[in-house]
Amino acid sequence: MLMNKCIELTEKYVDCPACGNTFIGNGEGGLVIEEHTFDRWCKCGWKVHVDLREGTEDD
């Protein structure tokens, strides 16, 4: 993933929009960034998946 897009998405989803949780790991939520995808989820059940190949952002 391009570094500028990675930073943009990380800043956009630093806080869970559903509950405000800012933590990842230890059961609090997670973050996975791969070549073409960005996934962020929260312990409350909220999640977002961005796929740059498809131009989609699903939350």
Protein backbone atom coordinates (compact mmCIF):
# COMPACT_ATOMS: atom_id res chain seq x y z
CA MET A 1 0.00 0.00 0.00
CA LEU A 2 1.25 3.46 -0.76
CA MET A 3 2.63 5.13 2.34
CA ASN A 4 0.53 8.29 1.98
CA LYS A 5 -2.69 6.25 1.65
CA CYS A 6 -1.66 4.10 4.61
CA ILE A 7 -1.12 7.19 6.78
CA GLU A 8 -4.38 8.76 5.59
CA LEU A 9 -6.42 5.67 6.50
CA THR A 10 -4.62 5.15 9.81
CA GLU A 11 -5.36 8.75 10.84
CA LYS A 12 -8.98 8.46 9.67
CA TYR A 13 -9.59 5.29 11.69
CA VAL A 14 -7.37 5.91 14.75
CA ASP A 15 -10.58 6.12 16.81
CA CYS A 16 -13.39 3.61 16.33
CA PRO A 17 -16.29 5.63 14.89
CA ALA A 18 -18.79 3.40 16.72
CA CYS A 19 -17.45 3.51 20.31
CA GLY A 20 -14.38 5.78 20.31
CA ASN A 21 -11.91 3.03 21.27
CA THR A 22 -8.34 3.97 20.28
CA PHE A 23 -6.64 0.69 21.18
CA ILE A 24 -5.66 -2.32 19.09
CA GLY A 25 -4.28 -5.67 20.24
CA ASN A 26 -5.00 -7.65 23.41
CA GLY A 27 -8.62 -8.14 22.37
CA GLU A 28 -9.26 -4.40 21.87
CA GLY A 29 -9.31 -4.55 18.07
CA GLY A 30 -6.83 -4.88 15.25
CA LEU A 31 -5.13 -3.40 12.24
CA VAL A 32 -3.78 -5.24 9.20
CA ILE A 33 -2.19 -3.40 6.29
CA GLU A 34 -1.20 -5.44 3.25
CA GLU A 35 -0.14 -4.61 -0.29
CA HIS A 36 -3.59 -3.55 -1.52
CA THR A 37 -5.81 -3.71 1.56
CA PHE A 38 -6.36 -1.96 4.88
CA ASP A 39 -8.40 -3.61 7.63
CA ARG A 40 -9.22 -2.08 11.01
CA TRP A 41 -11.66 -3.54 13.53
CA CYS A 42 -12.77 -2.92 17.10
CA LYS A 43 -13.86 -5.04 20.03
CA CYS A 44 -17.36 -3.52 19.73
CA GLY A 45 -17.84 -5.27 16.36
CA TRP A 46 -17.19 -2.32 14.04
CA LYS A 47 -14.84 -3.00 11.11
CA VAL A 48 -13.66 -1.38 7.91
CA HIS A 49 -12.06 -2.98 4.84
CA VAL A 50 -10.43 -0.84 2.14
CA ASP A 51 -9.28 -2.47 -1.10
CA LEU A 52 -7.31 -0.13 -3.35
CA ARG A 53 -7.60 -2.48 -6.35
CA GLU A 54 -11.38 -2.16 -6.28
CA GLY A 55 -11.54 1.38 -4.96
CA THR A 56 -13.87 0.23 -2.18
CA GLU A 57 -14.19 1.19 1.46
CA ASP A 58 -16.63 -1.06 3.33
CA ASP A 59 -17.52 -0.45 6.95
